[in-house]
Amino acid sequence: MWGNYHPIPYQSKIKEKLLTVFGIGLSFKQSLWWATGIFLSVKMSNIVPLLGNDWMYSRLHYCIPFALCMYLCYFRHTGTNLPVWRYYALMIRLRVRRRIFAYKKEGA
């Protein structure tokens, strides 16, 4: 019928879903953050030994890279409403950029 249309994802605020893990629909970027967190946790488990003898608490520090990636994936900076990872990347680029100082020396 004329006038009826299917909602386009960018118009209806529907997020794309690439992968569903434990009932959580993940977009492509979120899937990359999850994969990066899991990869870093596995690499950390190969390098850093267990801490103590308890089964659960001796391995708890292996979740730190995954938790950091989840923070970078889901949280937003409150002042700019940018994703945290993008805000940090822009701040680092701002700090390490090449600066050109244009000033005129007095008496020249």
Foldseek 3Di string as FASTA:
>chain_A
DPPDDDDDCVRVVNADFDDADPNDGDHPVRVVLQVQLVVQLVVCPVPDDFDDDDPPVSSVVSNVSSVVSVQQPPDADVVPRHRPVVVVVVVVCVVPPDDDDDDDDPPD
